[in-house]
């Protein structure tokens, strides 16, 4: 990882103790690539709890419908 990335706000957030919740469709869920979400390469750098509320085929309307199930998180 480059020093520029280590100095970035997202990297600091990953190290900060803040929880992450990823929301999305099949790309976030990893449906088309054996269940591997797009953020998989970041997991070793995220030192906090990771939550994933995503599902293959979802669109924004699905997230709105499921908004009451979105867990409380910092990011």
Protein backbone atom coordinates (compact mmCIF):
# COMPACT_ATOMS: atom_id res chain seq x y z
CA UNK A 1 0.00 0.00 0.00
CA UNK A 2 1.37 3.38 -0.96
CA UNK A 3 2.04 6.12 1.57
CA UNK A 4 -0.62 8.26 -0.16
CA UNK A 5 -3.22 5.61 0.52
CA UNK A 6 -2.08 5.21 4.13
CA UNK A 7 -2.50 8.95 4.60
CA UNK A 8 -6.02 8.99 3.15
CA UNK A 9 -9.18 9.52 5.15
CA UNK A 10 -10.68 6.13 4.15
CA UNK A 11 -7.55 4.32 5.41
CA UNK A 12 -7.66 6.26 8.68
CA UNK A 13 -11.33 5.29 9.01
CA UNK A 14 -10.43 1.63 8.52
CA UNK A 15 -8.00 1.87 11.42
CA UNK A 16 -10.14 4.06 13.68
CA UNK A 17 -12.45 1.63 15.41
CA UNK A 18 -15.44 2.76 13.39
CA UNK A 19 -17.78 0.06 12.11
CA UNK A 20 -18.40 -0.36 8.38
CA UNK A 21 -21.67 -1.32 6.71
CA UNK A 22 -21.58 -2.10 3.00
CA UNK A 23 -24.89 -1.67 1.16
CA UNK A 24 -25.55 -2.75 -2.37
CA UNK A 25 -26.34 -5.20 -5.09
CA UNK A 26 -24.60 -8.28 -6.52
CA UNK A 27 -21.28 -6.45 -6.86
CA UNK A 28 -21.22 -5.71 -3.15
CA UNK A 29 -22.57 -9.16 -2.27
CA UNK A 30 -20.14 -10.88 -4.62
CA UNK A 31 -22.95 -12.93 -6.16
CA UNK A 32 -21.34 -13.30 -9.57
CA UNK A 33 -17.82 -14.01 -8.33
CA UNK A 34 -18.20 -16.90 -5.89
CA UNK A 35 -19.42 -14.76 -3.00
CA UNK A 36 -16.38 -12.49 -2.97
CA UNK A 37 -17.50 -8.88 -2.39
CA UNK A 38 -15.77 -5.99 -4.15
CA UNK A 39 -14.23 -4.85 -0.88
CA UNK A 40 -12.52 -8.21 -0.18
CA UNK A 41 -9.00 -6.81 -0.81
CA UNK A 42 -9.62 -4.16 1.88
CA UNK A 43 -10.58 -6.59 4.65
CA UNK A 44 -7.00 -7.08 5.95
CA UNK A 45 -6.80 -3.30 6.49
CA UNK A 46 -10.17 -2.87 8.19
CA UNK A 47 -9.58 -3.25 11.91
CA UNK A 48 -13.24 -2.97 12.86
CA UNK A 49 -16.54 -4.77 12.53
CA UNK A 50 -17.76 -5.24 8.94
CA UNK A 51 -21.47 -5.56 8.16
CA UNK A 52 -22.84 -6.32 4.71
CA UNK A 53 -26.44 -5.70 3.72
CA UNK A 54 -26.42 -6.50 0.01
CA UNK A 55 -28.09 -8.95 -2.30
CA UNK A 56 -27.78 -9.93 -5.93
CA UNK A 57 -30.37 -8.15 -8.05
CA UNK A 58 -31.04 -5.37 -5.58
CA UNK A 59 -31.59 -1.81 -6.70
CA UNK A 60 -31.98 1.40 -4.71
CA UNK A 61 -35.67 0.64 -4.21
CA UNK A 62 -34.76 -2.59 -2.41
CA UNK A 63 -32.42 -0.74 -0.06
CA UNK A 64 -35.20 1.74 0.70
CA UNK A 65 -37.59 -1.13 1.40
CA UNK A 66 -35.03 -2.74 3.72
CA UNK A 67 -33.87 0.50 5.36
CA UNK A 68 -35.23 -0.56 8.75
CA UNK A 69 -32.83 -3.54 8.66
CA UNK A 70 -29.69 -1.48 8.00
CA UNK A 71 -27.52 -1.93 11.08
CA UNK A 72 -26.16 1.05 12.96
CA UNK A 73 -22.60 1.71 11.86
CA UNK A 74 -20.17 4.60 11.55
CA UNK A 75 -19.36 4.25 7.86
